[in-house]
Amino acid sequence: MIDPSIRNVVGMFALLALIAIWAVIVASFSPLIGGLPILVQAPIYILAGIIWVLPARPLMRWVVTGRWR
């Protein structure tokens, strides 16, 4: 079992990496999205801003409890 203080540090860096990777993925689609009307762009970027939470939830659960489920 990993010490909780180590889990906090590992979880923090993993979360930062997750956000950075997600930002690069979304930014790579910006030329395609940028060509769309603004009323279509806004929901896409809002959805992209929310979706990254899905893989972050199990990570945060692991940081707090030490279990993935």
C-alpha atoms as a PDB file:
ATOM      1  CA  MET A   1       0.000   0.000   0.000  1.00  0.00           C
ATOM      2  CA  ILE A   2       1.306   3.440  -0.927  1.00  0.00           C
ATOM      3  CA  ASP A   3       1.682   6.063   1.795  1.00  0.00           C
ATOM      4  CA  PRO A   4      -1.092   8.717   1.572  1.00  0.00           C
ATOM      5  CA  SER A   5       1.394  11.602   1.334  1.00  0.00           C
ATOM      6  CA  ILE A   6       3.089   9.929  -1.633  1.00  0.00           C
ATOM      7  CA  ARG A   7      -0.334   9.330  -3.230  1.00  0.00           C
ATOM      8  CA  ASN A   8      -1.070  13.051  -2.917  1.00  0.00           C
ATOM      9  CA  VAL A   9       2.115  14.024  -4.734  1.00  0.00           C
ATOM     10  CA  VAL A  10       1.731  11.338  -7.420  1.00  0.00           C
ATOM     11  CA  GLY A  11      -1.934  12.246  -7.856  1.00  0.00           C
ATOM     12  CA  MET A  12      -1.141  15.943  -8.203  1.00  0.00           C
ATOM     13  CA  PHE A  13       1.425  15.329 -10.948  1.00  0.00           C
ATOM     14  CA  ALA A  14      -0.834  12.792 -12.661  1.00  0.00           C
ATOM     15  CA  LEU A  15      -3.701  15.295 -12.659  1.00  0.00           C
ATOM     16  CA  LEU A  16      -1.464  18.015 -14.093  1.00  0.00           C
ATOM     17  CA  ALA A  17      -0.290  15.595 -16.795  1.00  0.00           C
ATOM     18  CA  LEU A  18      -3.889  14.622 -17.564  1.00  0.00           C
ATOM     19  CA  ILE A  19      -4.902  18.263 -17.960  1.00  0.00           C
ATOM     20  CA  ALA A  20      -1.873  19.045 -20.128  1.00  0.00           C
ATOM     21  CA  ILE A  21      -2.465  16.052 -22.399  1.00  0.00           C
ATOM     22  CA  TRP A  22      -6.150  16.904 -22.717  1.00  0.00           C
ATOM     23  CA  ALA A  23      -5.322  20.537 -23.534  1.00  0.00           C
ATOM     24  CA  VAL A  24      -2.952  19.420 -26.305  1.00  0.00           C
ATOM     25  CA  ILE A  25      -5.588  17.079 -27.734  1.00  0.00           C
ATOM     26  CA  VAL A  26      -8.276  19.770 -27.741  1.00  0.00           C
ATOM     27  CA  ALA A  27      -5.863  22.384 -29.124  1.00  0.00           C
ATOM     28  CA  SER A  28      -4.906  20.044 -31.964  1.00  0.00           C
ATOM     29  CA  PHE A  29      -8.524  20.168 -33.130  1.00  0.00           C
ATOM     30  CA  SER A  30      -8.751  23.971 -32.914  1.00  0.00           C
ATOM     31  CA  PRO A  31      -8.159  24.554 -36.653  1.00  0.00           C
ATOM     32  CA  LEU A  32     -11.166  22.368 -37.409  1.00  0.00           C
ATOM     33  CA  ILE A  33     -13.312  23.805 -34.652  1.00  0.00           C
ATOM     34  CA  GLY A  34     -12.217  27.365 -35.457  1.00  0.00           C
ATOM     35  CA  GLY A  35     -13.826  27.118 -38.873  1.00  0.00           C
ATOM     36  CA  LEU A  36     -17.235  26.430 -37.379  1.00  0.00           C
ATOM     37  CA  PRO A  37     -19.770  29.105 -36.440  1.00  0.00           C
ATOM     38  CA  ILE A  38     -19.293  30.542 -32.955  1.00  0.00           C
ATOM     39  CA  LEU A  39     -22.587  29.049 -31.727  1.00  0.00           C
ATOM     40  CA  VAL A  40     -21.242  25.606 -32.599  1.00  0.00           C
ATOM     41  CA  GLN A  41     -17.750  26.280 -31.217  1.00  0.00           C
ATOM     42  CA  ALA A  42     -18.958  27.299 -27.765  1.00  0.00           C
ATOM     43  CA  PRO A  43     -20.725  24.010 -26.903  1.00  0.00           C
ATOM     44  CA  ILE A  44     -17.776  22.002 -28.258  1.00  0.00           C
ATOM     45  CA  TYR A  45     -15.291  23.846 -26.041  1.00  0.00           C
ATOM     46  CA  ILE A  46     -17.641  23.725 -23.046  1.00  0.00           C
ATOM     47  CA  LEU A  47     -18.047  19.972 -23.489  1.00  0.00           C
ATOM     48  CA  ALA A  48     -14.293  19.543 -23.924  1.00  0.00           C
ATOM     49  CA  GLY A  49     -13.795  21.512 -20.712  1.00  0.00           C
ATOM     50  CA  ILE A  50     -16.059  19.115 -18.822  1.00  0.00           C
ATOM     51  CA  ILE A  51     -15.018  15.769 -20.333  1.00  0.00           C
ATOM     52  CA  TRP A  52     -11.545  15.756 -18.741  1.00  0.00           C
ATOM     53  CA  VAL A  53     -13.230  15.263 -15.365  1.00  0.00           C
ATOM     54  CA  LEU A  54     -14.277  11.699 -16.300  1.00  0.00           C
ATOM     55  CA  PRO A  55     -10.755  10.196 -16.069  1.00  0.00           C
ATOM     56  CA  ALA A  56      -9.874  12.555 -13.201  1.00  0.00           C
ATOM     57  CA  ARG A  57     -12.562  11.155 -10.898  1.00  0.00           C
ATOM     58  CA  PRO A  58     -10.991   7.696 -10.459  1.00  0.00           C
ATOM     59  CA  LEU A  59      -7.605   9.349 -10.005  1.00  0.00           C
ATOM     60  CA  MET A  60      -8.955  11.563  -7.218  1.00  0.00           C
ATOM     61  CA  ARG A  61     -10.681   8.566  -5.656  1.00  0.00           C
ATOM     62  CA  TRP A  62      -7.331   6.747  -5.609  1.00  0.00           C
ATOM     63  CA  VAL A  63      -5.590   9.751  -4.045  1.00  0.00           C
ATOM     64  CA  VAL A  64      -8.132   9.931  -1.230  1.00  0.00           C
ATOM     65  CA  THR A  65      -8.820   6.243  -0.543  1.00  0.00           C
ATOM     66  CA  GLY A  66      -5.960   4.299  -2.125  1.00  0.00           C
ATOM     67  CA  ARG A  67      -8.447   2.287  -4.206  1.00  0.00           C
ATOM     68  CA  TRP A  68      -9.499   2.698  -7.814  1.00  0.00           C
ATOM     69  CA  ARG A  69     -13.080   1.534  -7.150  1.00  0.00           C
END
